[in-house]
Amino acid sequence: MKSGRGRPKKDEQSTLKYKIISELVADESKITYALEGKGKFIIATNELDEKALSVEDLLKNYKGQQAVERGFRFLKDPLFMTSSVFLKKDTRIAALGMVMCLCLLVYTLAQRYLRQKLMELSTSVPNQLGKPTKRPTMRWIFQIFEGVHVLIHRILDETKEIILNVNPTRRHILQILGPPFEKIYGSAA
């Protein structure tokens, strides 16, 4: 192929150019083979009796660890302020670890309890966007309750506690949680 118009000069070099017109076609067998390889992973256990632990139960338990991992992510959150605690003694570190695991247990049980009550009562609470949800996290519920304060009013020998800033959303959550929680916030103004 020459450049320019007219007849090529004697010393001019010509170049060849090719144009390929093609169409892509998926090779289903290779795609299937690649996908099958992606869907496999190994789970090892020392329980060899399938009656004691079936393959399905093993997989279910393995996948259930995700909730625990989310819980530990909660413990690492800057709002939990774990990074501001400095301990040198091994015994104190172990004690802090135990307290944190206990906190995580209470957090998880409270979240589970709230979600069960929401299902039982066929109701919901607002999420961060204001839309109804039946699966709120306890962290979100704690954030909703930020700003609730106790006012201790003392006049002579009489002391009166008044709970401040309990709005309709907070009252709704307390009703869902039940009488013990409503009793705590019973003197709400």
Protein backbone atom coordinates (compact mmCIF):
# COMPACT_ATOMS: atom_id res chain seq x y z
CA MET A 1 0.00 0.00 0.00
CA LYS A 2 1.44 3.33 -0.94
CA SER A 3 0.97 6.68 0.65
CA GLY A 4 -0.13 9.74 -1.28
CA ARG A 5 -1.63 10.09 -4.74
CA GLY A 6 -0.35 9.02 -8.09
CA ARG A 7 2.20 6.49 -9.15
CA PRO A 8 4.77 5.43 -6.51
CA LYS A 9 8.34 6.65 -6.94
CA LYS A 10 11.11 4.15 -7.63
CA ASP A 11 12.77 4.49 -4.21
CA GLU A 12 9.48 4.64 -2.24
CA GLN A 13 8.83 1.65 0.01
CA SER A 14 5.35 0.25 0.11
CA THR A 15 3.72 -1.10 3.26
CA LEU A 16 1.15 -3.84 3.64
CA LYS A 17 -1.80 -3.35 5.96
CA TYR A 18 -4.36 -5.95 6.92
CA LYS A 19 -7.84 -5.58 8.31
CA ILE A 20 -9.32 -8.50 10.22
CA ILE A 21 -13.05 -8.84 10.51
CA SER A 22 -13.98 -11.32 13.25
CA GLU A 23 -16.73 -12.37 15.58
CA LEU A 24 -16.30 -13.56 19.20
CA VAL A 25 -17.98 -16.81 20.16
CA ALA A 26 -18.17 -18.07 23.74
CA ASP A 27 -16.76 -21.57 24.33
CA GLU A 28 -19.37 -22.85 26.80
CA SER A 29 -17.35 -25.94 27.78
CA LYS A 30 -14.32 -23.83 28.81
CA ILE A 31 -16.53 -21.36 30.68
CA THR A 32 -18.28 -24.17 32.55
CA TYR A 33 -14.93 -25.76 33.44
CA ALA A 34 -13.59 -22.44 34.79
CA LEU A 35 -16.75 -21.83 36.84
CA GLU A 36 -16.66 -25.31 38.35
CA GLY A 37 -13.13 -24.66 39.57
CA LYS A 38 -14.19 -21.38 41.19
CA GLY A 39 -17.02 -23.00 43.12
CA LYS A 40 -14.82 -25.44 45.03
CA PHE A 41 -12.98 -24.95 48.27
CA ILE A 42 -11.67 -27.25 50.94
CA ILE A 43 -13.05 -27.44 54.47
CA ALA A 44 -11.16 -29.73 56.80
CA THR A 45 -12.43 -31.24 60.05
CA ASN A 46 -11.22 -33.80 62.54
CA GLU A 47 -14.79 -35.15 62.91
CA LEU A 48 -14.85 -38.18 60.61
CA ASP A 49 -18.24 -39.55 61.70
CA GLU A 50 -20.78 -38.20 59.22
CA LYS A 51 -23.62 -39.01 61.63
CA ALA A 52 -22.12 -36.61 64.18
CA LEU A 53 -21.40 -33.88 61.61
CA SER A 54 -22.83 -34.08 58.10
CA VAL A 55 -21.19 -32.35 55.15
CA GLU A 56 -24.14 -29.93 54.97
CA ASP A 57 -23.82 -29.06 58.67
CA LEU A 58 -20.08 -28.58 58.28
CA LEU A 59 -20.62 -26.12 55.41
CA LYS A 60 -23.40 -24.34 57.33
CA ASN A 61 -21.17 -23.93 60.39
CA TYR A 62 -18.29 -22.71 58.25
CA LYS A 63 -20.45 -20.09 56.57
CA GLY A 64 -21.88 -19.11 59.98
CA GLN A 65 -18.45 -17.85 61.01
CA GLN A 66 -19.13 -14.76 58.94
CA ALA A 67 -21.38 -13.38 61.70
CA VAL A 68 -18.61 -13.86 64.25
CA GLU A 69 -16.12 -12.12 61.96
CA ARG A 70 -18.52 -9.18 61.62
CA GLY A 71 -18.69 -9.05 65.41
CA PHE A 72 -14.94 -8.84 65.76
CA ARG A 73 -14.93 -6.14 63.09
CA PHE A 74 -17.28 -4.26 65.43
CA LEU A 75 -14.72 -4.63 68.24
CA LYS A 76 -12.03 -3.12 66.01
CA ASP A 77 -14.22 -0.14 65.13
CA PRO A 78 -12.83 3.25 66.20
CA LEU A 79 -16.13 4.03 67.96
CA PHE A 80 -15.44 1.10 70.32
CA MET A 81 -12.14 2.83 71.20
CA THR A 82 -10.15 -0.37 71.73
CA SER A 83 -7.06 1.24 70.24
CA SER A 84 -6.97 3.78 73.08
CA VAL A 85 -6.37 1.02 75.66
CA PHE A 86 -2.72 0.19 76.33
CA LEU A 87 -1.93 -2.85 78.47
CA LYS A 88 1.44 -4.42 79.25
CA LYS A 89 0.62 -7.41 81.45
CA ASP A 90 -0.51 -10.61 79.73
CA THR A 91 -3.15 -11.17 82.40
CA ARG A 92 -4.72 -7.77 81.76
CA ILE A 93 -4.68 -8.32 78.00
CA ALA A 94 -6.39 -11.68 78.50
CA ALA A 95 -8.94 -10.08 80.84
CA LEU A 96 -9.67 -7.32 78.32
CA GLY A 97 -10.09 -9.96 75.60
CA MET A 98 -12.55 -11.83 77.81
CA VAL A 99 -14.54 -8.65 78.54
CA MET A 100 -14.61 -7.77 74.83
CA CYS A 101 -15.85 -11.26 73.91
CA LEU A 102 -18.50 -10.99 76.61
CA CYS A 103 -19.55 -7.59 75.17
CA LEU A 104 -19.73 -9.16 71.72
CA LEU A 105 -21.91 -11.97 73.11
CA VAL A 106 -24.32 -9.50 74.74
CA TYR A 107 -24.36 -7.38 71.57
CA THR A 108 -25.16 -10.43 69.41
CA LEU A 109 -27.86 -11.71 71.77
CA ALA A 110 -29.49 -8.28 71.94
CA GLN A 111 -29.47 -7.97 68.14
CA ARG A 112 -30.95 -11.45 67.77
CA TYR A 113 -33.62 -10.72 70.39
CA LEU A 114 -34.62 -7.46 68.68
CA ARG A 115 -34.82 -9.09 65.24
CA GLN A 116 -36.96 -11.96 66.62
CA LYS A 117 -39.32 -9.48 68.28
CA LEU A 118 -39.61 -7.52 65.02
CA MET A 119 -40.59 -10.73 63.21
CA GLU A 120 -43.04 -11.77 65.95
CA LEU A 121 -44.77 -8.39 65.97
CA SER A 122 -44.60 -7.97 62.16
CA THR A 123 -43.18 -4.49 62.54
CA SER A 124 -40.02 -2.64 61.63
CA VAL A 125 -37.75 0.21 62.67
CA PRO A 126 -36.28 2.91 60.43
CA ASN A 127 -32.83 2.28 58.99
CA GLN A 128 -30.17 4.94 58.36
CA LEU A 129 -32.08 6.13 55.28
CA GLY A 130 -35.40 6.28 57.13
CA LYS A 131 -36.77 3.20 55.35
CA PRO A 132 -38.32 0.36 57.39
CA THR A 133 -36.12 -2.64 58.19
CA LYS A 134 -36.68 -5.86 60.12
CA ARG A 135 -32.93 -6.56 60.40
CA PRO A 136 -31.32 -3.57 62.13
CA THR A 137 -27.93 -3.88 63.74
CA MET A 138 -27.58 -3.13 67.43
CA ARG A 139 -24.97 -0.57 66.52
CA TRP A 140 -27.68 1.35 64.64
CA ILE A 141 -30.08 1.01 67.58
CA PHE A 142 -27.36 2.33 69.91
CA GLN A 143 -26.88 5.27 67.55
CA ILE A 144 -30.63 5.95 67.59
CA PHE A 145 -30.47 6.11 71.40
CA GLU A 146 -27.56 8.57 71.42
CA GLY A 147 -28.72 11.81 72.97
CA VAL A 148 -30.98 10.18 75.56
CA HIS A 149 -29.98 11.64 78.93
CA VAL A 150 -30.94 11.18 82.57
CA LEU A 151 -31.76 14.36 84.46
CA ILE A 152 -31.41 13.93 88.22
CA HIS A 153 -33.54 16.55 89.92
CA ARG A 154 -32.91 16.99 93.67
CA ILE A 155 -35.09 19.15 95.85
CA LEU A 156 -34.28 18.92 99.54
CA ASP A 157 -34.59 15.20 100.42
CA GLU A 158 -36.39 14.19 97.24
CA THR A 159 -34.54 12.90 94.17
CA LYS A 160 -36.33 12.46 90.87
CA GLU A 161 -34.85 10.97 87.70
CA ILE A 162 -36.23 12.12 84.36
CA ILE A 163 -35.24 10.51 81.05
CA LEU A 164 -34.86 13.17 78.35
CA ASN A 165 -35.15 13.02 74.54
CA VAL A 166 -37.22 9.84 74.18
CA ASN A 167 -38.85 10.53 70.81
CA PRO A 168 -41.55 8.41 69.06
CA THR A 169 -38.95 6.26 67.24
CA ARG A 170 -37.18 5.46 70.50
CA ARG A 171 -40.54 4.72 72.22
CA HIS A 172 -41.44 2.37 69.35
CA ILE A 173 -38.17 0.46 69.79
CA LEU A 174 -38.74 0.24 73.55
CA GLN A 175 -42.26 -1.15 72.95
CA ILE A 176 -40.78 -3.79 70.63
CA LEU A 177 -38.17 -4.77 73.23
CA GLY A 178 -40.85 -5.17 75.87
CA PRO A 179 -41.79 -4.17 79.44
CA PRO A 180 -38.33 -4.53 81.08
CA PHE A 181 -36.89 -1.98 78.65
CA GLU A 182 -39.92 0.29 78.86
CA LYS A 183 -39.58 0.24 82.66
CA ILE A 184 -35.99 1.53 82.43
CA TYR A 185 -37.18 4.49 80.34
CA GLY A 186 -40.46 4.78 82.27
CA SER A 187 -39.82 8.24 83.63
CA ALA A 188 -39.26 9.67 80.16
CA ALA A 189 -40.23 13.28 79.70
